[in-house]
Amino acid sequence: MPKVTFILPGGEERTIEAQVGQSVMRVAVSHMVPGIIGECGGGMVCATCHVKVAETWAKRIGSPGRLEDEMLDLTELERGPTSRLGCQITMTAEIDGLAVYVPGT
């Protein structure tokens, strides 16, 4: 099972095993990671699953699509160059060890 590490605003790291095919948002919500709400359930209409992909993973994860990019423009928290919506990142064996930052509130 692939793992994803959530790095919280205070620096605490939470590494969680995910199911292949599960979104980063679903992993976070099911393990009650603070700061990831997933209000719309993964419908890409709320931006409450905003994460910043660690630089070392940014190329492998890729850039947001047009609709995701537009949603990221609406996020309440500061957007960065590696910002993504967690609902749009699907866990696979190839991204085992992924690290994402949870933006501060």
PDB file of N, CA and C in Angstrom:
ATOM      1  N   MET A   1       0.836  -1.184   0.000  1.00  0.00           N
ATOM      2  CA  MET A   1       0.000   0.000   0.000  1.00  0.00           C
ATOM      3  C   MET A   1       0.881   1.248   0.000  1.00  0.00           C
ATOM      4  N   PRO A   2       0.580   2.195  -0.882  1.00  0.00           N
ATOM      5  CA  PRO A   2       1.378   3.422  -0.917  1.00  0.00           C
ATOM      6  C   PRO A   2       1.121   4.278   0.319  1.00  0.00           C
ATOM      7  N   LYS A   3       2.122   5.044   0.675  1.00  0.00           N
ATOM      8  CA  LYS A   3       2.008   5.942   1.827  1.00  0.00           C
ATOM      9  C   LYS A   3       2.073   7.386   1.362  1.00  0.00           C
ATOM     10  N   VAL A   4       1.382   8.244   2.107  1.00  0.00           N
ATOM     11  CA  VAL A   4       1.436   9.685   1.874  1.00  0.00           C
ATOM     12  C   VAL A   4       1.712  10.348   3.214  1.00  0.00           C
ATOM     13  N   THR A   5       2.598  11.340   3.196  1.00  0.00           N
ATOM     14  CA  THR A   5       2.912  12.088   4.408  1.00  0.00           C
ATOM     15  C   THR A   5       2.305  13.472   4.304  1.00  0.00           C
ATOM     16  N   PHE A   6       1.511  13.823   5.309  1.00  0.00           N
ATOM     17  CA  PHE A   6       0.920  15.153   5.421  1.00  0.00           C
ATOM     18  C   PHE A   6       1.779  15.937   6.399  1.00  0.00           C
ATOM     19  N   ILE A   7       2.287  17.089   5.956  1.00  0.00           N
ATOM     20  CA  ILE A   7       3.114  17.939   6.809  1.00  0.00           C
ATOM     21  C   ILE A   7       2.239  19.105   7.244  1.00  0.00           C
ATOM     22  N   LEU A   8       1.938  19.143   8.533  1.00  0.00           N
ATOM     23  CA  LEU A   8       1.024  20.140   9.087  1.00  0.00           C
ATOM     24  C   LEU A   8       1.729  21.476   9.287  1.00  0.00           C
ATOM     25  N   PRO A   9       0.974  22.566   9.423  1.00  0.00           N
ATOM     26  CA  PRO A   9       1.575  23.902   9.548  1.00  0.00           C
ATOM     27  C   PRO A   9       2.632  24.024  10.645  1.00  0.00           C
ATOM     28  N   GLY A  10       2.485  23.310  11.747  1.00  0.00           N
ATOM     29  CA  GLY A  10       3.464  23.377  12.830  1.00  0.00           C
ATOM     30  C   GLY A  10       4.672  22.490  12.616  1.00  0.00           C
ATOM     31  N   GLY A  11       4.699  21.743  11.501  1.00  0.00           N
ATOM     32  CA  GLY A  11       5.828  20.874  11.198  1.00  0.00           C
ATOM     33  C   GLY A  11       5.588  19.404  11.511  1.00  0.00           C
ATOM     34  N   GLU A  12       4.502  19.096  12.227  1.00  0.00           N
ATOM     35  CA  GLU A  12       4.186  17.700  12.527  1.00  0.00           C
ATOM     36  C   GLU A  12       3.932  16.949  11.224  1.00  0.00           C
ATOM     37  N   GLU A  13       4.438  15.726  11.152  1.00  0.00           N
ATOM     38  CA  GLU A  13       4.236  14.888   9.972  1.00  0.00           C
ATOM     39  C   GLU A  13       3.356  13.702  10.328  1.00  0.00           C
ATOM     40  N   ARG A  14       2.398  13.426   9.460  1.00  0.00           N
ATOM     41  CA  ARG A  14       1.531  12.257   9.625  1.00  0.00           C
ATOM     42  C   ARG A  14       1.643  11.409   8.368  1.00  0.00           C
ATOM     43  N   THR A  15       2.224  10.235   8.510  1.00  0.00           N
ATOM     44  CA  THR A  15       2.365   9.318   7.387  1.00  0.00           C
ATOM     45  C   THR A  15       1.259   8.275   7.478  1.00  0.00           C
ATOM     46  N   ILE A  16       0.519   8.129   6.388  1.00  0.00           N
ATOM     47  CA  ILE A  16      -0.668   7.275   6.372  1.00  0.00           C
ATOM     48  C   ILE A  16      -0.614   6.349   5.162  1.00  0.00           C
ATOM     49  N   GLU A  17      -0.978   5.094   5.377  1.00  0.00           N
ATOM     50  CA  GLU A  17      -1.094   4.149   4.268  1.00  0.00           C
ATOM     51  C   GLU A  17      -2.407   4.408   3.543  1.00  0.00           C
ATOM     52  N   ALA A  18      -2.348   4.382   2.232  1.00  0.00           N
ATOM     53  CA  ALA A  18      -3.529   4.645   1.406  1.00  0.00           C
ATOM     54  C   ALA A  18      -3.825   3.440   0.525  1.00  0.00           C
ATOM     55  N   GLN A  19      -5.048   3.336   0.106  1.00  0.00           N
ATOM     56  CA  GLN A  19      -5.428   2.331  -0.874  1.00  0.00           C
ATOM     57  C   GLN A  19      -5.067   2.863  -2.264  1.00  0.00           C
ATOM     58  N   VAL A  20      -4.574   2.011  -3.130  1.00  0.00           N
ATOM     59  CA  VAL A  20      -4.349   2.412  -4.518  1.00  0.00           C
ATOM     60  C   VAL A  20      -5.695   2.852  -5.087  1.00  0.00           C
ATOM     61  N   GLY A  21      -5.710   4.004  -5.747  1.00  0.00           N
ATOM     62  CA  GLY A  21      -6.939   4.544  -6.326  1.00  0.00           C
ATOM     63  C   GLY A  21      -7.655   5.539  -5.431  1.00  0.00           C
ATOM     64  N   GLN A  22      -7.250   5.622  -4.177  1.00  0.00           N
ATOM     65  CA  GLN A  22      -7.855   6.570  -3.241  1.00  0.00           C
ATOM     66  C   GLN A  22      -7.236   7.949  -3.457  1.00  0.00           C
ATOM     67  N   SER A  23      -8.035   8.996  -3.335  1.00  0.00           N
ATOM     68  CA  SER A  23      -7.490  10.346  -3.491  1.00  0.00           C
ATOM     69  C   SER A  23      -6.792  10.779  -2.204  1.00  0.00           C
ATOM     70  N   VAL A  24      -5.859  11.700  -2.339  1.00  0.00           N
ATOM     71  CA  VAL A  24      -5.172  12.269  -1.178  1.00  0.00           C
ATOM     72  C   VAL A  24      -6.199  12.879  -0.222  1.00  0.00           C
ATOM     73  N   MET A  25      -7.232  13.514  -0.771  1.00  0.00           N
ATOM     74  CA  MET A  25      -8.282  14.096   0.067  1.00  0.00           C
ATOM     75  C   MET A  25      -8.980  13.025   0.890  1.00  0.00           C
ATOM     76  N   ARG A  26      -9.352  11.908   0.270  1.00  0.00           N
ATOM     77  CA  ARG A  26     -10.050  10.827   0.987  1.00  0.00           C
ATOM     78  C   ARG A  26      -9.168  10.251   2.094  1.00  0.00           C
ATOM     79  N   VAL A  27      -7.877  10.095   1.816  1.00  0.00           N
ATOM     80  CA  VAL A  27      -6.947   9.600   2.829  1.00  0.00           C
ATOM     81  C   VAL A  27      -6.952  10.553   4.020  1.00  0.00           C
ATOM     82  N   ALA A  28      -6.828  11.845   3.743  1.00  0.00           N
ATOM     83  CA  ALA A  28      -6.772  12.852   4.807  1.00  0.00           C
ATOM     84  C   ALA A  28      -8.056  12.887   5.628  1.00  0.00           C
ATOM     85  N   VAL A  29      -9.187  12.908   4.954  1.00  0.00           N
ATOM     86  CA  VAL A  29     -10.470  13.000   5.657  1.00  0.00           C
ATOM     87  C   VAL A  29     -10.716  11.744   6.493  1.00  0.00           C
ATOM     88  N   SER A  30     -10.427  10.578   5.943  1.00  0.00           N
ATOM     89  CA  SER A  30     -10.687   9.341   6.686  1.00  0.00           C
ATOM     90  C   SER A  30      -9.763   9.171   7.885  1.00  0.00           C
ATOM     91  N   HIS A  31      -8.643   9.896   7.902  1.00  0.00           N
ATOM     92  CA  HIS A  31      -7.719   9.840   9.036  1.00  0.00           C
ATOM     93  C   HIS A  31      -7.701  11.149   9.823  1.00  0.00           C
ATOM     94  N   MET A  32      -8.694  11.978   9.587  1.00  0.00           N
ATOM     95  CA  MET A  32      -8.892  13.232  10.323  1.00  0.00           C
ATOM     96  C   MET A  32      -7.643  14.120  10.369  1.00  0.00           C
ATOM     97  N   VAL A  33      -7.020  14.302   9.214  1.00  0.00           N
ATOM     98  CA  VAL A  33      -5.872  15.205   9.119  1.00  0.00           C
ATOM     99  C   VAL A  33      -6.403  16.632   9.230  1.00  0.00           C
ATOM    100  N   PRO A  34      -5.944  17.399  10.220  1.00  0.00           N
ATOM    101  CA  PRO A  34      -6.443  18.769  10.381  1.00  0.00           C
ATOM    102  C   PRO A  34      -6.126  19.631   9.167  1.00  0.00           C
ATOM    103  N   GLY A  35      -7.095  20.467   8.783  1.00  0.00           N
ATOM    104  CA  GLY A  35      -6.892  21.390   7.673  1.00  0.00           C
ATOM    105  C   GLY A  35      -7.373  20.877   6.334  1.00  0.00           C
ATOM    106  N   ILE A  36      -7.693  19.589   6.246  1.00  0.00           N
ATOM    107  CA  ILE A  36      -8.237  19.016   5.012  1.00  0.00           C
ATOM    108  C   ILE A  36      -9.690  18.651   5.301  1.00  0.00           C
ATOM    109  N   ILE A  37     -10.608  19.387   4.697  1.00  0.00           N
ATOM    110  CA  ILE A  37     -12.027  19.201   4.995  1.00  0.00           C
ATOM    111  C   ILE A  37     -12.720  18.347   3.943  1.00  0.00           C
ATOM    112  N   GLY A  38     -12.458  18.611   2.683  1.00  0.00           N
ATOM    113  CA  GLY A  38     -13.112  17.854   1.615  1.00  0.00           C
ATOM    114  C   GLY A  38     -14.614  18.045   1.622  1.00  0.00           C
ATOM    115  N   GLU A  39     -15.015  19.273   1.815  1.00  0.00           N
ATOM    116  CA  GLU A  39     -16.435  19.623   1.972  1.00  0.00           C
ATOM    117  C   GLU A  39     -17.327  19.099   0.850  1.00  0.00           C
ATOM    118  N   CYS A  40     -16.844  19.133  -0.387  1.00  0.00           N
ATOM    119  CA  CYS A  40     -17.684  18.720  -1.528  1.00  0.00           C
ATOM    120  C   CYS A  40     -17.554  17.230  -1.833  1.00  0.00           C
ATOM    121  N   GLY A  41     -16.755  16.514  -1.050  1.00  0.00           N
ATOM    122  CA  GLY A  41     -16.623  15.078  -1.257  1.00  0.00           C
ATOM    123  C   GLY A  41     -15.803  14.683  -2.471  1.00  0.00           C
ATOM    124  N   GLY A  42     -15.032  15.591  -2.993  1.00  0.00           N
ATOM    125  CA  GLY A  42     -14.181  15.280  -4.145  1.00  0.00           C
ATOM    126  C   GLY A  42     -14.738  15.756  -5.468  1.00  0.00           C
ATOM    127  N   GLY A  43     -15.743  16.620  -5.423  1.00  0.00           N
ATOM    128  CA  GLY A  43     -16.364  17.125  -6.644  1.00  0.00           C
ATOM    129  C   GLY A  43     -15.646  18.296  -7.284  1.00  0.00           C
ATOM    130  N   MET A  44     -14.534  18.715  -6.695  1.00  0.00           N
ATOM    131  CA  MET A  44     -13.716  19.814  -7.210  1.00  0.00           C
ATOM    132  C   MET A  44     -14.504  21.126  -7.296  1.00  0.00           C
ATOM    133  N   VAL A  45     -15.311  21.390  -6.260  1.00  0.00           N
ATOM    134  CA  VAL A  45     -16.077  22.635  -6.256  1.00  0.00           C
ATOM    135  C   VAL A  45     -15.897  23.453  -4.977  1.00  0.00           C
ATOM    136  N   CYS A  46     -15.003  23.033  -4.076  1.00  0.00           N
ATOM    137  CA  CYS A  46     -14.893  23.784  -2.819  1.00  0.00           C
ATOM    138  C   CYS A  46     -13.468  24.211  -2.466  1.00  0.00           C
ATOM    139  N   ALA A  47     -12.471  23.531  -2.940  1.00  0.00           N
ATOM    140  CA  ALA A  47     -11.054  23.812  -2.663  1.00  0.00           C
ATOM    141  C   ALA A  47     -10.683  23.656  -1.192  1.00  0.00           C
ATOM    142  N   THR A  48     -11.484  22.906  -0.407  1.00  0.00           N
ATOM    143  CA  THR A  48     -11.150  22.698   1.003  1.00  0.00           C
ATOM    144  C   THR A  48     -10.213  21.504   1.208  1.00  0.00           C
ATOM    145  N   CYS A  49      -9.645  20.998   0.120  1.00  0.00           N
ATOM    146  CA  CYS A  49      -8.648  19.930   0.205  1.00  0.00           C
ATOM    147  C   CYS A  49      -7.320  20.404  -0.399  1.00  0.00           C
ATOM    148  N   HIS A  50      -7.132  21.708  -0.409  1.00  0.00           N
ATOM    149  CA  HIS A  50      -5.927  22.331  -0.960  1.00  0.00           C
ATOM    150  C   HIS A  50      -4.687  21.826  -0.220  1.00  0.00           C
ATOM    151  N   VAL A  51      -3.707  21.341  -0.975  1.00  0.00           N
ATOM    152  CA  VAL A  51      -2.413  20.944  -0.425  1.00  0.00           C
ATOM    153  C   VAL A  51      -1.317  21.527  -1.311  1.00  0.00           C
ATOM    154  N   LYS A  52      -0.124  21.568  -0.778  1.00  0.00           N
ATOM    155  CA  LYS A  52       1.042  21.975  -1.564  1.00  0.00           C
ATOM    156  C   LYS A  52       1.964  20.766  -1.646  1.00  0.00           C
ATOM    157  N   VAL A  53       2.163  20.283  -2.839  1.00  0.00           N
ATOM    158  CA  VAL A  53       2.993  19.104  -3.068  1.00  0.00           C
ATOM    159  C   VAL A  53       4.448  19.475  -2.789  1.00  0.00           C
ATOM    160  N   ALA A  54       5.155  18.615  -2.051  1.00  0.00           N
ATOM    161  CA  ALA A  54       6.572  18.853  -1.781  1.00  0.00           C
ATOM    162  C   ALA A  54       7.318  18.978  -3.107  1.00  0.00           C
ATOM    163  N   GLU A  55       8.278  19.886  -3.157  1.00  0.00           N
ATOM    164  CA  GLU A  55       9.029  20.168  -4.395  1.00  0.00           C
ATOM    165  C   GLU A  55       9.574  18.900  -5.049  1.00  0.00           C
ATOM    166  N   THR A  56      10.053  17.963  -4.241  1.00  0.00           N
ATOM    167  CA  THR A  56      10.647  16.741  -4.788  1.00  0.00           C
ATOM    168  C   THR A  56       9.631  15.871  -5.522  1.00  0.00           C
ATOM    169  N   TRP A  57       8.352  16.106  -5.300  1.00  0.00           N
ATOM    170  CA  TRP A  57       7.285  15.333  -5.935  1.00  0.00           C
ATOM    171  C   TRP A  57       6.549  16.109  -7.019  1.00  0.00           C
ATOM    172  N   ALA A  58       6.778  17.378  -7.120  1.00  0.00           N
ATOM    173  CA  ALA A  58       5.973  18.246  -7.993  1.00  0.00           C
ATOM    174  C   ALA A  58       5.945  17.783  -9.450  1.00  0.00           C
ATOM    175  N   LYS A  59       7.095  17.435 -10.013  1.00  0.00           N
ATOM    176  CA  LYS A  59       7.124  17.006 -11.420  1.00  0.00           C
ATOM    177  C   LYS A  59       6.358  15.707 -11.619  1.00  0.00           C
ATOM    178  N   ARG A  60       6.537  14.787 -10.696  1.00  0.00           N
ATOM    179  CA  ARG A  60       5.885  13.487 -10.832  1.00  0.00           C
ATOM    180  C   ARG A  60       4.362  13.612 -10.714  1.00  0.00           C
ATOM    181  N   ILE A  61       3.894  14.500  -9.857  1.00  0.00           N
ATOM    182  CA  ILE A  61       2.454  14.693  -9.667  1.00  0.00           C
ATOM    183  C   ILE A  61       1.866  15.512 -10.813  1.00  0.00           C
ATOM    184  N   GLY A  62       2.625  16.463 -11.312  1.00  0.00           N
ATOM    185  CA  GLY A  62       2.165  17.261 -12.448  1.00  0.00           C
ATOM    186  C   GLY A  62       1.382  18.502 -12.043  1.00  0.00           C
ATOM    187  N   SER A  63       1.011  19.254 -13.036  1.00  0.00           N
ATOM    188  CA  SER A  63       0.294  20.514 -12.830  1.00  0.00           C
ATOM    189  C   SER A  63      -1.208  20.275 -12.806  1.00  0.00           C
ATOM    190  N   PRO A  64      -1.939  21.193 -12.190  1.00  0.00           N
ATOM    191  CA  PRO A  64      -3.401  21.061 -12.190  1.00  0.00           C
ATOM    192  C   PRO A  64      -3.977  21.288 -13.582  1.00  0.00           C
ATOM    193  N   GLY A  65      -5.102  20.656 -13.847  1.00  0.00           N
ATOM    194  CA  GLY A  65      -5.843  20.908 -15.080  1.00  0.00           C
ATOM    195  C   GLY A  65      -6.521  22.266 -15.007  1.00  0.00           C
ATOM    196  N   ARG A  66      -7.164  22.668 -16.084  1.00  0.00           N
ATOM    197  CA  ARG A  66      -7.775  23.996 -16.168  1.00  0.00           C
ATOM    198  C   ARG A  66      -8.808  24.245 -15.068  1.00  0.00           C
ATOM    199  N   LEU A  67      -9.741  23.319 -14.871  1.00  0.00           N
ATOM    200  CA  LEU A  67     -10.776  23.520 -13.852  1.00  0.00           C
ATOM    201  C   LEU A  67     -10.192  23.539 -12.444  1.00  0.00           C
ATOM    202  N   GLU A  68      -9.247  22.639 -12.191  1.00  0.00           N
ATOM    203  CA  GLU A  68      -8.595  22.618 -10.886  1.00  0.00           C
ATOM    204  C   GLU A  68      -7.842  23.926 -10.657  1.00  0.00           C
ATOM    205  N   ASP A  69      -7.164  24.407 -11.683  1.00  0.00           N
ATOM    206  CA  ASP A  69      -6.431  25.668 -11.599  1.00  0.00           C
ATOM    207  C   ASP A  69      -7.367  26.823 -11.231  1.00  0.00           C
ATOM    208  N   GLU A  70      -8.545  26.838 -11.840  1.00  0.00           N
ATOM    209  CA  GLU A  70      -9.527  27.885 -11.528  1.00  0.00           C
ATOM    210  C   GLU A  70     -10.002  27.783 -10.084  1.00  0.00           C
ATOM    211  N   MET A  71     -10.210  26.569  -9.591  1.00  0.00           N
ATOM    212  CA  MET A  71     -10.630  26.390  -8.197  1.00  0.00           C
ATOM    213  C   MET A  71      -9.534  26.839  -7.238  1.00  0.00           C
ATOM    214  N   LEU A  72      -8.296  26.553  -7.575  1.00  0.00           N
ATOM    215  CA  LEU A  72      -7.186  26.958  -6.709  1.00  0.00           C
ATOM    216  C   LEU A  72      -7.090  28.478  -6.602  1.00  0.00           C
ATOM    217  N   ASP A  73      -7.524  29.182  -7.649  1.00  0.00           N
ATOM    218  CA  ASP A  73      -7.544  30.647  -7.592  1.00  0.00           C
ATOM    219  C   ASP A  73      -8.533  31.155  -6.552  1.00  0.00           C
ATOM    220  N   LEU A  74      -9.508  30.330  -6.181  1.00  0.00           N
ATOM    221  CA  LEU A  74     -10.549  30.736  -5.240  1.00  0.00           C
ATOM    222  C   LEU A  74     -10.271  30.311  -3.802  1.00  0.00           C
ATOM    223  N   THR A  75      -9.193  29.578  -3.578  1.00  0.00           N
ATOM    224  CA  THR A  75      -8.907  29.086  -2.237  1.00  0.00           C
ATOM    225  C   THR A  75      -8.662  30.236  -1.264  1.00  0.00           C
ATOM    226  N   GLU A  76      -9.102  30.040  -0.032  1.00  0.00           N
ATOM    227  CA  GLU A  76      -8.915  31.058   1.004  1.00  0.00           C
ATOM    228  C   GLU A  76      -7.459  31.162   1.431  1.00  0.00           C
ATOM    229  N   LEU A  77      -6.735  30.061   1.327  1.00  0.00           N
ATOM    230  CA  LEU A  77      -5.352  30.024   1.774  1.00  0.00           C
ATOM    231  C   LEU A  77      -4.420  30.327   0.611  1.00  0.00           C
ATOM    232  N   GLU A  78      -3.258  30.848   0.940  1.00  0.00           N
ATOM    233  CA  GLU A  78      -2.314  31.268  -0.095  1.00  0.00           C
ATOM    234  C   GLU A  78      -1.937  30.115  -1.018  1.00  0.00           C
ATOM    235  N   ARG A  79      -2.075  30.372  -2.283  1.00  0.00           N
ATOM    236  CA  ARG A  79      -1.721  29.399  -3.307  1.00  0.00           C
ATOM    237  C   ARG A  79      -0.228  29.478  -3.594  1.00  0.00           C
ATOM    238  N   GLY A  80       0.379  28.342  -3.879  1.00  0.00           N
ATOM    239  CA  GLY A  80       1.791  28.304  -4.222  1.00  0.00           C
ATOM    240  C   GLY A  80       1.995  27.614  -5.558  1.00  0.00           C
ATOM    241  N   PRO A  81       3.236  27.571  -6.048  1.00  0.00           N
ATOM    242  CA  PRO A  81       3.503  26.971  -7.354  1.00  0.00           C
ATOM    243  C   PRO A  81       3.233  25.463  -7.410  1.00  0.00           C
ATOM    244  N   THR A  82       3.216  24.790  -6.257  1.00  0.00           N
ATOM    245  CA  THR A  82       2.944  23.348  -6.252  1.00  0.00           C
ATOM    246  C   THR A  82       1.568  23.034  -5.657  1.00  0.00           C
ATOM    247  N   SER A  83       0.705  24.034  -5.567  1.00  0.00           N
ATOM    248  CA  SER A  83      -0.636  23.819  -5.016  1.00  0.00           C
ATOM    249  C   SER A  83      -1.452  22.888  -5.903  1.00  0.00           C
ATOM    250  N   ARG A  84      -2.166  21.994  -5.260  1.00  0.00           N
ATOM    251  CA  ARG A  84      -3.084  21.075  -5.935  1.00  0.00           C
ATOM    252  C   ARG A  84      -4.280  20.850  -5.021  1.00  0.00           C
ATOM    253  N   LEU A  85      -5.352  20.350  -5.599  1.00  0.00           N
ATOM    254  CA  LEU A  85      -6.487  19.900  -4.803  1.00  0.00           C
ATOM    255  C   LEU A  85      -6.255  18.421  -4.506  1.00  0.00           C
ATOM    256  N   GLY A  86      -6.330  18.068  -3.241  1.00  0.00           N
ATOM    257  CA  GLY A  86      -6.093  16.679  -2.852  1.00  0.00           C
ATOM    258  C   GLY A  86      -7.044  15.698  -3.508  1.00  0.00           C
ATOM    259  N   CYS A  87      -8.236  16.163  -3.850  1.00  0.00           N
ATOM    260  CA  CYS A  87      -9.214  15.275  -4.500  1.00  0.00           C
ATOM    261  C   CYS A  87      -8.801  14.917  -5.919  1.00  0.00           C
ATOM    262  N   GLN A  88      -7.827  15.610  -6.462  1.00  0.00           N
ATOM    263  CA  GLN A  88      -7.396  15.374  -7.839  1.00  0.00           C
ATOM    264  C   GLN A  88      -6.083  14.609  -7.930  1.00  0.00           C
ATOM    265  N   ILE A  89      -5.542  14.206  -6.792  1.00  0.00           N
ATOM    266  CA  ILE A  89      -4.319  13.399  -6.771  1.00  0.00           C
ATOM    267  C   ILE A  89      -4.715  11.993  -6.340  1.00  0.00           C
ATOM    268  N   THR A  90      -4.537  11.040  -7.228  1.00  0.00           N
ATOM    269  CA  THR A  90      -4.902   9.653  -6.955  1.00  0.00           C
ATOM    270  C   THR A  90      -3.665   8.865  -6.544  1.00  0.00           C
ATOM    271  N   MET A  91      -3.768   8.166  -5.440  1.00  0.00           N
ATOM    272  CA  MET A  91      -2.651   7.385  -4.939  1.00  0.00           C
ATOM    273  C   MET A  91      -2.412   6.155  -5.819  1.00  0.00           C
ATOM    274  N   THR A  92      -1.153   5.955  -6.167  1.00  0.00           N
ATOM    275  CA  THR A  92      -0.713   4.797  -6.944  1.00  0.00           C
ATOM    276  C   THR A  92       0.581   4.280  -6.325  1.00  0.00           C
ATOM    277  N   ALA A  93       0.996   3.099  -6.722  1.00  0.00           N
ATOM    278  CA  ALA A  93       2.266   2.555  -6.238  1.00  0.00           C
ATOM    279  C   ALA A  93       3.429   3.452  -6.651  1.00  0.00           C
ATOM    280  N   GLU A  94       3.293   4.122  -7.795  1.00  0.00           N
ATOM    281  CA  GLU A  94       4.370   4.973  -8.311  1.00  0.00           C
ATOM    282  C   GLU A  94       4.608   6.218  -7.458  1.00  0.00           C
ATOM    283  N   ILE A  95       3.629   6.620  -6.682  1.00  0.00           N
ATOM    284  CA  ILE A  95       3.834   7.811  -5.841  1.00  0.00           C
ATOM    285  C   ILE A  95       3.878   7.443  -4.356  1.00  0.00           C
ATOM    286  N   ASP A  96       4.246   6.193  -4.070  1.00  0.00           N
ATOM    287  CA  ASP A  96       4.455   5.769  -2.689  1.00  0.00           C
ATOM    288  C   ASP A  96       5.502   6.677  -2.054  1.00  0.00           C
ATOM    289  N   GLY A  97       5.182   7.257  -0.913  1.00  0.00           N
ATOM    290  CA  GLY A  97       6.096   8.165  -0.235  1.00  0.00           C
ATOM    291  C   GLY A  97       5.812   9.629  -0.495  1.00  0.00           C
ATOM    292  N   LEU A  98       4.753   9.915  -1.245  1.00  0.00           N
ATOM    293  CA  LEU A  98       4.362  11.295  -1.545  1.00  0.00           C
ATOM    294  C   LEU A  98       4.299  12.124  -0.268  1.00  0.00           C
ATOM    295  N   ALA A  99       4.762  13.362  -0.346  1.00  0.00           N
ATOM    296  CA  ALA A  99       4.676  14.297   0.781  1.00  0.00           C
ATOM    297  C   ALA A  99       3.951  15.553   0.321  1.00  0.00           C
ATOM    298  N   VAL A 100       2.974  15.977   1.118  1.00  0.00           N
ATOM    299  CA  VAL A 100       2.224  17.197   0.827  1.00  0.00           C
ATOM    300  C   VAL A 100       2.142  18.050   2.082  1.00  0.00           C
ATOM    301  N   TYR A 101       2.177  19.356   1.877  1.00  0.00           N
ATOM    302  CA  TYR A 101       2.032  20.309   2.967  1.00  0.00           C
ATOM    303  C   TYR A 101       0.579  20.735   3.062  1.00  0.00           C
ATOM    304  N   VAL A 102       0.069  20.775   4.283  1.00  0.00           N
ATOM    305  CA  VAL A 102      -1.275  21.285   4.529  1.00  0.00           C
ATOM    306  C   VAL A 102      -1.112  22.771   4.818  1.00  0.00           C
ATOM    307  N   PRO A 103      -1.681  23.639   3.981  1.00  0.00           N
ATOM    308  CA  PRO A 103      -1.520  25.080   4.204  1.00  0.00           C
ATOM    309  C   PRO A 103      -2.060  25.512   5.565  1.00  0.00           C
ATOM    310  N   GLY A 104      -1.431  26.518   6.159  1.00  0.00           N
ATOM    311  CA  GLY A 104      -1.867  27.032   7.455  1.00  0.00           C
ATOM    312  C   GLY A 104      -3.184  27.756   7.362  1.00  0.00           C
ATOM    313  N   THR A 105      -3.898  27.781   8.465  1.00  0.00           N
ATOM    314  CA  THR A 105      -5.190  28.462   8.489  1.00  0.00           C
ATOM    315  C   THR A 105      -5.056  29.844   9.076  1.00  0.00           C
TER     316      THR A 105
END
